[in-house]
Amino acid sequence: MSEQISGVVESPDDLDPAEFFNTNRDQVVLAVRITPVFGTLDLNLVMAVVDAANETGFALVREQPLRDEYLLCVFDAYEDQD
């Protein structure tokens, strides 16, 4: 995955949908923090990021671990249906 990271979300306070998911972008790549306890995910944080993306017209298309600390999430803008 060679996409440039658009932002890092370590807590719900870091999530700014207007900043990350705007109409000028076709793709957004976010690094979502994995909790340090046994490499587990904060599912509430991941769900908040995915929900914010969906509400602003983006869909999660793939994800992968990044340096054992983050989950790299790639979001693509929905295709316009005319």
PDB file of N, CA and C in Angstrom:
ATOM      1  N   MET A   1       0.854  -1.166   0.000  1.00  0.00           N
ATOM      2  CA  MET A   1       0.000   0.000   0.000  1.00  0.00           C
ATOM      3  C   MET A   1       0.898   1.227   0.000  1.00  0.00           C
ATOM      4  N   SER A   2       0.812   2.049  -1.014  1.00  0.00           N
ATOM      5  CA  SER A   2       1.716   3.182  -1.132  1.00  0.00           C
ATOM      6  C   SER A   2       1.015   4.527  -0.980  1.00  0.00           C
ATOM      7  N   GLU A   3      -0.243   4.522  -0.575  1.00  0.00           N
ATOM      8  CA  GLU A   3      -0.980   5.758  -0.428  1.00  0.00           C
ATOM      9  C   GLU A   3      -0.407   6.587   0.715  1.00  0.00           C
ATOM     10  N   GLN A   4      -0.507   7.918   0.581  1.00  0.00           N
ATOM     11  CA  GLN A   4      -0.064   8.813   1.635  1.00  0.00           C
ATOM     12  C   GLN A   4      -1.146   8.902   2.712  1.00  0.00           C
ATOM     13  N   ILE A   5      -0.744   8.866   3.966  1.00  0.00           N
ATOM     14  CA  ILE A   5      -1.698   8.923   5.071  1.00  0.00           C
ATOM     15  C   ILE A   5      -2.276  10.326   5.177  1.00  0.00           C
ATOM     16  N   SER A   6      -3.620  10.408   5.190  1.00  0.00           N
ATOM     17  CA  SER A   6      -4.322  11.687   5.279  1.00  0.00           C
ATOM     18  C   SER A   6      -4.405  12.188   6.711  1.00  0.00           C
ATOM     19  N   GLY A   7      -4.343  11.274   7.673  1.00  0.00           N
ATOM     20  CA  GLY A   7      -4.439  11.671   9.068  1.00  0.00           C
ATOM     21  C   GLY A   7      -4.305  10.491  10.001  1.00  0.00           C
ATOM     22  N   VAL A   8      -4.183  10.813  11.287  1.00  0.00           N
ATOM     23  CA  VAL A   8      -4.054   9.810  12.334  1.00  0.00           C
ATOM     24  C   VAL A   8      -5.171  10.037  13.342  1.00  0.00           C
ATOM     25  N   VAL A   9      -5.861   8.958  13.701  1.00  0.00           N
ATOM     26  CA  VAL A   9      -6.936   9.028  14.684  1.00  0.00           C
ATOM     27  C   VAL A   9      -6.538   8.138  15.858  1.00  0.00           C
ATOM     28  N   GLU A  10      -6.190   8.784  16.978  1.00  0.00           N
ATOM     29  CA  GLU A  10      -5.790   8.035  18.167  1.00  0.00           C
ATOM     30  C   GLU A  10      -6.894   7.970  19.203  1.00  0.00           C
ATOM     31  N   SER A  11      -7.898   8.838  19.076  1.00  0.00           N
ATOM     32  CA  SER A  11      -9.031   8.858  20.002  1.00  0.00           C
ATOM     33  C   SER A  11     -10.213   9.494  19.279  1.00  0.00           C
ATOM     34  N   PRO A  12     -11.415   9.357  19.815  1.00  0.00           N
ATOM     35  CA  PRO A  12     -12.576   9.999  19.177  1.00  0.00           C
ATOM     36  C   PRO A  12     -12.415  11.513  19.052  1.00  0.00           C
ATOM     37  N   ASP A  13     -11.649  12.124  19.939  1.00  0.00           N
ATOM     38  CA  ASP A  13     -11.420  13.571  19.871  1.00  0.00           C
ATOM     39  C   ASP A  13     -10.611  13.972  18.643  1.00  0.00           C
ATOM     40  N   ASP A  14      -9.824  13.052  18.095  1.00  0.00           N
ATOM     41  CA  ASP A  14      -9.009  13.335  16.911  1.00  0.00           C
ATOM     42  C   ASP A  14      -9.806  13.253  15.614  1.00  0.00           C
ATOM     43  N   LEU A  15     -11.010  12.730  15.687  1.00  0.00           N
ATOM     44  CA  LEU A  15     -11.808  12.497  14.483  1.00  0.00           C
ATOM     45  C   LEU A  15     -12.547  13.766  14.083  1.00  0.00           C
ATOM     46  N   ASP A  16     -12.130  14.357  12.964  1.00  0.00           N
ATOM     47  CA  ASP A  16     -12.775  15.554  12.421  1.00  0.00           C
ATOM     48  C   ASP A  16     -13.235  15.225  11.002  1.00  0.00           C
ATOM     49  N   PRO A  17     -14.479  14.746  10.851  1.00  0.00           N
ATOM     50  CA  PRO A  17     -14.952  14.330   9.527  1.00  0.00           C
ATOM     51  C   PRO A  17     -14.836  15.422   8.466  1.00  0.00           C
ATOM     52  N   ALA A  18     -15.073  16.673   8.838  1.00  0.00           N
ATOM     53  CA  ALA A  18     -14.990  17.764   7.861  1.00  0.00           C
ATOM     54  C   ALA A  18     -13.564  17.934   7.338  1.00  0.00           C
ATOM     55  N   GLU A  19     -12.587  17.664   8.177  1.00  0.00           N
ATOM     56  CA  GLU A  19     -11.190  17.788   7.759  1.00  0.00           C
ATOM     57  C   GLU A  19     -10.755  16.604   6.901  1.00  0.00           C
ATOM     58  N   PHE A  20     -11.076  15.398   7.354  1.00  0.00           N
ATOM     59  CA  PHE A  20     -10.599  14.207   6.660  1.00  0.00           C
ATOM     60  C   PHE A  20     -11.418  13.860   5.423  1.00  0.00           C
ATOM     61  N   PHE A  21     -12.733  13.880   5.556  1.00  0.00           N
ATOM     62  CA  PHE A  21     -13.615  13.418   4.481  1.00  0.00           C
ATOM     63  C   PHE A  21     -14.294  14.621   3.838  1.00  0.00           C
ATOM     64  N   ASN A  22     -13.639  15.219   2.852  1.00  0.00           N
ATOM     65  CA  ASN A  22     -14.262  16.352   2.174  1.00  0.00           C
ATOM     66  C   ASN A  22     -14.412  16.054   0.691  1.00  0.00           C
ATOM     67  N   THR A  23     -15.213  16.856   0.035  1.00  0.00           N
ATOM     68  CA  THR A  23     -15.570  16.595  -1.365  1.00  0.00           C
ATOM     69  C   THR A  23     -14.411  16.795  -2.330  1.00  0.00           C
ATOM     70  N   ASN A  24     -13.307  17.365  -1.880  1.00  0.00           N
ATOM     71  CA  ASN A  24     -12.153  17.566  -2.756  1.00  0.00           C
ATOM     72  C   ASN A  24     -11.293  16.314  -2.882  1.00  0.00           C
ATOM     73  N   ARG A  25     -11.623  15.292  -2.130  1.00  0.00           N
ATOM     74  CA  ARG A  25     -10.814  14.070  -2.133  1.00  0.00           C
ATOM     75  C   ARG A  25     -11.593  12.902  -2.720  1.00  0.00           C
ATOM     76  N   ASP A  26     -10.882  12.071  -3.458  1.00  0.00           N
ATOM     77  CA  ASP A  26     -11.460  10.827  -3.965  1.00  0.00           C
ATOM     78  C   ASP A  26     -11.111   9.662  -3.052  1.00  0.00           C
ATOM     79  N   GLN A  27     -10.018   9.834  -2.291  1.00  0.00           N
ATOM     80  CA  GLN A  27      -9.566   8.759  -1.412  1.00  0.00           C
ATOM     81  C   GLN A  27      -8.989   9.363  -0.131  1.00  0.00           C
ATOM     82  N   VAL A  28      -9.232   8.690   0.979  1.00  0.00           N
ATOM     83  CA  VAL A  28      -8.711   9.107   2.282  1.00  0.00           C
ATOM     84  C   VAL A  28      -8.052   7.891   2.922  1.00  0.00           C
ATOM     85  N   VAL A  29      -6.844   8.081   3.446  1.00  0.00           N
ATOM     86  CA  VAL A  29      -6.126   7.017   4.138  1.00  0.00           C
ATOM     87  C   VAL A  29      -5.884   7.491   5.569  1.00  0.00           C
ATOM     88  N   LEU A  30      -6.470   6.785   6.523  1.00  0.00           N
ATOM     89  CA  LEU A  30      -6.323   7.142   7.930  1.00  0.00           C
ATOM     90  C   LEU A  30      -5.633   6.021   8.695  1.00  0.00           C
ATOM     91  N   ALA A  31      -4.778   6.413   9.615  1.00  0.00           N
ATOM     92  CA  ALA A  31      -4.163   5.465  10.541  1.00  0.00           C
ATOM     93  C   ALA A  31      -4.964   5.534  11.834  1.00  0.00           C
ATOM     94  N   VAL A  32      -5.629   4.435  12.190  1.00  0.00           N
ATOM     95  CA  VAL A  32      -6.452   4.369  13.399  1.00  0.00           C
ATOM     96  C   VAL A  32      -5.669   3.597  14.459  1.00  0.00           C
ATOM     97  N   ARG A  33      -5.547   4.184  15.626  1.00  0.00           N
ATOM     98  CA  ARG A  33      -4.736   3.620  16.713  1.00  0.00           C
ATOM     99  C   ARG A  33      -5.260   2.264  17.177  1.00  0.00           C
ATOM    100  N   ILE A  34      -4.334   1.308  17.305  1.00  0.00           N
ATOM    101  CA  ILE A  34      -4.626   0.020  17.917  1.00  0.00           C
ATOM    102  C   ILE A  34      -4.177   0.146  19.368  1.00  0.00           C
ATOM    103  N   THR A  35      -5.007  -0.257  20.293  1.00  0.00           N
ATOM    104  CA  THR A  35      -4.629  -0.127  21.703  1.00  0.00           C
ATOM    105  C   THR A  35      -3.387  -0.960  21.987  1.00  0.00           C
ATOM    106  N   PRO A  36      -2.536  -0.501  22.891  1.00  0.00           N
ATOM    107  CA  PRO A  36      -1.268  -1.194  23.127  1.00  0.00           C
ATOM    108  C   PRO A  36      -1.392  -2.526  23.855  1.00  0.00           C
ATOM    109  N   VAL A  37      -2.570  -2.882  24.317  1.00  0.00           N
ATOM    110  CA  VAL A  37      -2.745  -4.135  25.046  1.00  0.00           C
ATOM    111  C   VAL A  37      -2.972  -5.278  24.058  1.00  0.00           C
ATOM    112  N   PHE A  38      -1.963  -6.081  23.848  1.00  0.00           N
ATOM    113  CA  PHE A  38      -2.049  -7.264  22.984  1.00  0.00           C
ATOM    114  C   PHE A  38      -2.499  -6.944  21.561  1.00  0.00           C
ATOM    115  N   GLY A  39      -2.215  -5.748  21.051  1.00  0.00           N
ATOM    116  CA  GLY A  39      -2.538  -5.403  19.675  1.00  0.00           C
ATOM    117  C   GLY A  39      -4.017  -5.442  19.357  1.00  0.00           C
ATOM    118  N   THR A  40      -4.853  -5.137  20.328  1.00  0.00           N
ATOM    119  CA  THR A  40      -6.297  -5.181  20.107  1.00  0.00           C
ATOM    120  C   THR A  40      -6.801  -3.858  19.552  1.00  0.00           C
ATOM    121  N   LEU A  41      -7.935  -3.914  18.904  1.00  0.00           N
ATOM    122  CA  LEU A  41      -8.565  -2.719  18.345  1.00  0.00           C
ATOM    123  C   LEU A  41      -9.583  -2.156  19.312  1.00  0.00           C
ATOM    124  N   ASP A  42      -9.684  -0.840  19.340  1.00  0.00           N
ATOM    125  CA  ASP A  42     -10.796  -0.195  20.025  1.00  0.00           C
ATOM    126  C   ASP A  42     -11.923  -0.157  18.996  1.00  0.00           C
ATOM    127  N   LEU A  43     -12.820  -1.128  19.073  1.00  0.00           N
ATOM    128  CA  LEU A  43     -13.869  -1.238  18.055  1.00  0.00           C
ATOM    129  C   LEU A  43     -14.771  -0.017  18.020  1.00  0.00           C
ATOM    130  N   ASN A  44     -14.964   0.645  19.162  1.00  0.00           N
ATOM    131  CA  ASN A  44     -15.766   1.870  19.164  1.00  0.00           C
ATOM    132  C   ASN A  44     -15.092   2.959  18.340  1.00  0.00           C
ATOM    133  N   LEU A  45     -13.768   3.050  18.417  1.00  0.00           N
ATOM    134  CA  LEU A  45     -13.037   4.045  17.637  1.00  0.00           C
ATOM    135  C   LEU A  45     -13.104   3.713  16.148  1.00  0.00           C
ATOM    136  N   VAL A  46     -12.870   2.454  15.801  1.00  0.00           N
ATOM    137  CA  VAL A  46     -12.944   2.046  14.396  1.00  0.00           C
ATOM    138  C   VAL A  46     -14.352   2.272  13.852  1.00  0.00           C
ATOM    139  N   MET A  47     -15.366   1.924  14.640  1.00  0.00           N
ATOM    140  CA  MET A  47     -16.753   2.122  14.219  1.00  0.00           C
ATOM    141  C   MET A  47     -17.058   3.609  14.019  1.00  0.00           C
ATOM    142  N   ALA A  48     -16.554   4.465  14.891  1.00  0.00           N
ATOM    143  CA  ALA A  48     -16.778   5.908  14.758  1.00  0.00           C
ATOM    144  C   ALA A  48     -16.145   6.443  13.477  1.00  0.00           C
ATOM    145  N   VAL A  49     -14.953   5.958  13.147  1.00  0.00           N
ATOM    146  CA  VAL A  49     -14.272   6.398  11.920  1.00  0.00           C
ATOM    147  C   VAL A  49     -15.045   5.928  10.689  1.00  0.00           C
ATOM    148  N   VAL A  50     -15.446   4.663  10.662  1.00  0.00           N
ATOM    149  CA  VAL A  50     -16.188   4.124   9.516  1.00  0.00           C
ATOM    150  C   VAL A  50     -17.550   4.811   9.384  1.00  0.00           C
ATOM    151  N   ASP A  51     -18.245   5.032  10.497  1.00  0.00           N
ATOM    152  CA  ASP A  51     -19.536   5.733  10.452  1.00  0.00           C
ATOM    153  C   ASP A  51     -19.381   7.151   9.921  1.00  0.00           C
ATOM    154  N   ALA A  52     -18.349   7.867  10.371  1.00  0.00           N
ATOM    155  CA  ALA A  52     -18.109   9.231   9.890  1.00  0.00           C
ATOM    156  C   ALA A  52     -17.821   9.226   8.391  1.00  0.00           C
ATOM    157  N   ALA A  53     -17.057   8.253   7.942  1.00  0.00           N
ATOM    158  CA  ALA A  53     -16.762   8.141   6.513  1.00  0.00           C
ATOM    159  C   ALA A  53     -18.037   7.884   5.719  1.00  0.00           C
ATOM    160  N   ASN A  54     -18.850   6.940   6.169  1.00  0.00           N
ATOM    161  CA  ASN A  54     -20.097   6.612   5.466  1.00  0.00           C
ATOM    162  C   ASN A  54     -21.038   7.803   5.403  1.00  0.00           C
ATOM    163  N   GLU A  55     -21.136   8.546   6.496  1.00  0.00           N
ATOM    164  CA  GLU A  55     -22.034   9.704   6.546  1.00  0.00           C
ATOM    165  C   GLU A  55     -21.590  10.828   5.619  1.00  0.00           C
ATOM    166  N   THR A  56     -20.310  10.862   5.276  1.00  0.00           N
ATOM    167  CA  THR A  56     -19.796  11.922   4.410  1.00  0.00           C
ATOM    168  C   THR A  56     -19.510  11.439   2.990  1.00  0.00           C
ATOM    169  N   GLY A  57     -19.968  10.230   2.657  1.00  0.00           N
ATOM    170  CA  GLY A  57     -19.866   9.758   1.281  1.00  0.00           C
ATOM    171  C   GLY A  57     -18.635   8.940   0.953  1.00  0.00           C
ATOM    172  N   PHE A  58     -18.021   8.322   1.948  1.00  0.00           N
ATOM    173  CA  PHE A  58     -16.845   7.486   1.726  1.00  0.00           C
ATOM    174  C   PHE A  58     -17.104   6.076   2.244  1.00  0.00           C
ATOM    175  N   ALA A  59     -16.497   5.095   1.585  1.00  0.00           N
ATOM    176  CA  ALA A  59     -16.646   3.693   1.986  1.00  0.00           C
ATOM    177  C   ALA A  59     -15.270   3.096   2.275  1.00  0.00           C
ATOM    178  N   LEU A  60     -15.195   2.270   3.308  1.00  0.00           N
ATOM    179  CA  LEU A  60     -13.962   1.554   3.627  1.00  0.00           C
ATOM    180  C   LEU A  60     -13.737   0.498   2.547  1.00  0.00           C
ATOM    181  N   VAL A  61     -12.583   0.565   1.869  1.00  0.00           N
ATOM    182  CA  VAL A  61     -12.311  -0.388   0.791  1.00  0.00           C
ATOM    183  C   VAL A  61     -11.230  -1.406   1.154  1.00  0.00           C
ATOM    184  N   ARG A  62     -10.338  -1.041   2.084  1.00  0.00           N
ATOM    185  CA  ARG A  62      -9.352  -2.018   2.564  1.00  0.00           C
ATOM    186  C   ARG A  62      -8.674  -1.484   3.828  1.00  0.00           C
ATOM    187  N   GLU A  63      -8.053  -2.418   4.533  1.00  0.00           N
ATOM    188  CA  GLU A  63      -7.329  -2.056   5.748  1.00  0.00           C
ATOM    189  C   GLU A  63      -6.186  -3.038   5.947  1.00  0.00           C
ATOM    190  N   GLN A  64      -5.175  -2.598   6.686  1.00  0.00           N
ATOM    191  CA  GLN A  64      -4.050  -3.467   7.017  1.00  0.00           C
ATOM    192  C   GLN A  64      -3.318  -2.885   8.220  1.00  0.00           C
ATOM    193  N   PRO A  65      -2.671  -3.740   9.007  1.00  0.00           N
ATOM    194  CA  PRO A  65      -1.902  -3.250  10.156  1.00  0.00           C
ATOM    195  C   PRO A  65      -0.719  -2.403   9.692  1.00  0.00           C
ATOM    196  N   LEU A  66      -0.374  -1.414  10.505  1.00  0.00           N
ATOM    197  CA  LEU A  66       0.767  -0.548  10.218  1.00  0.00           C
ATOM    198  C   LEU A  66       1.625  -0.461  11.477  1.00  0.00           C
ATOM    199  N   ARG A  67       2.808  -1.014  11.440  1.00  0.00           N
ATOM    200  CA  ARG A  67       3.779  -0.969  12.536  1.00  0.00           C
ATOM    201  C   ARG A  67       3.226  -1.424  13.883  1.00  0.00           C
ATOM    202  N   ASP A  68       2.341  -2.361  13.926  1.00  0.00           N
ATOM    203  CA  ASP A  68       1.782  -2.921  15.166  1.00  0.00           C
ATOM    204  C   ASP A  68       1.112  -1.895  16.072  1.00  0.00           C
ATOM    205  N   GLU A  69       0.985  -0.657  15.624  1.00  0.00           N
ATOM    206  CA  GLU A  69       0.386   0.385  16.447  1.00  0.00           C
ATOM    207  C   GLU A  69      -0.891   0.952  15.839  1.00  0.00           C
ATOM    208  N   TYR A  70      -1.053   0.784  14.536  1.00  0.00           N
ATOM    209  CA  TYR A  70      -2.174   1.405  13.836  1.00  0.00           C
ATOM    210  C   TYR A  70      -2.816   0.423  12.867  1.00  0.00           C
ATOM    211  N   LEU A  71      -4.065   0.687  12.561  1.00  0.00           N
ATOM    212  CA  LEU A  71      -4.758   0.005  11.484  1.00  0.00           C
ATOM    213  C   LEU A  71      -4.905   1.028  10.371  1.00  0.00           C
ATOM    214  N   LEU A  72      -4.290   0.763   9.237  1.00  0.00           N
ATOM    215  CA  LEU A  72      -4.359   1.668   8.102  1.00  0.00           C
ATOM    216  C   LEU A  72      -5.655   1.405   7.356  1.00  0.00           C
ATOM    217  N   CYS A  73      -6.521   2.408   7.269  1.00  0.00           N
ATOM    218  CA  CYS A  73      -7.836   2.269   6.636  1.00  0.00           C
ATOM    219  C   CYS A  73      -7.899   3.143   5.392  1.00  0.00           C
ATOM    220  N   VAL A  74      -8.267   2.545   4.272  1.00  0.00           N
ATOM    221  CA  VAL A  74      -8.382   3.265   3.008  1.00  0.00           C
ATOM    222  C   VAL A  74      -9.855   3.416   2.676  1.00  0.00           C
ATOM    223  N   PHE A  75     -10.277   4.655   2.463  1.00  0.00           N
ATOM    224  CA  PHE A  75     -11.661   4.978   2.134  1.00  0.00           C
ATOM    225  C   PHE A  75     -11.711   5.609   0.750  1.00  0.00           C
ATOM    226  N   ASP A  76     -12.649   5.167  -0.076  1.00  0.00           N
ATOM    227  CA  ASP A  76     -12.882   5.769  -1.388  1.00  0.00           C
ATOM    228  C   ASP A  76     -14.220   6.479  -1.372  1.00  0.00           C
ATOM    229  N   ALA A  77     -14.284   7.593  -2.112  1.00  0.00           N
ATOM    230  CA  ALA A  77     -15.543   8.324  -2.227  1.00  0.00           C
ATOM    231  C   ALA A  77     -16.534   7.482  -3.016  1.00  0.00           C
ATOM    232  N   TYR A  78     -17.802   7.585  -2.632  1.00  0.00           N
ATOM    233  CA  TYR A  78     -18.848   6.890  -3.382  1.00  0.00           C
ATOM    234  C   TYR A  78     -18.891   7.445  -4.796  1.00  0.00           C
ATOM    235  N   GLU A  79     -19.177   6.580  -5.743  1.00  0.00           N
ATOM    236  CA  GLU A  79     -19.364   7.014  -7.130  1.00  0.00           C
ATOM    237  C   GLU A  79     -20.684   7.763  -7.240  1.00  0.00           C
ATOM    238  N   ASP A  80     -20.681   8.875  -7.975  1.00  0.00           N
ATOM    239  CA  ASP A  80     -21.935   9.598  -8.218  1.00  0.00           C
ATOM    240  C   ASP A  80     -22.799   8.798  -9.169  1.00  0.00           C
ATOM    241  N   GLN A  81     -24.047   8.619  -8.799  1.00  0.00           N
ATOM    242  CA  GLN A  81     -25.000   7.911  -9.650  1.00  0.00           C
ATOM    243  C   GLN A  81     -25.937   8.934 -10.287  1.00  0.00           C
ATOM    244  N   ASP A  82     -25.745   9.211 -11.567  1.00  0.00           N
ATOM    245  CA  ASP A  82     -26.590  10.203 -12.263  1.00  0.00           C
ATOM    246  C   ASP A  82     -27.845   9.583 -12.805  1.00  0.00           C
TER     247      ASP A  82
END
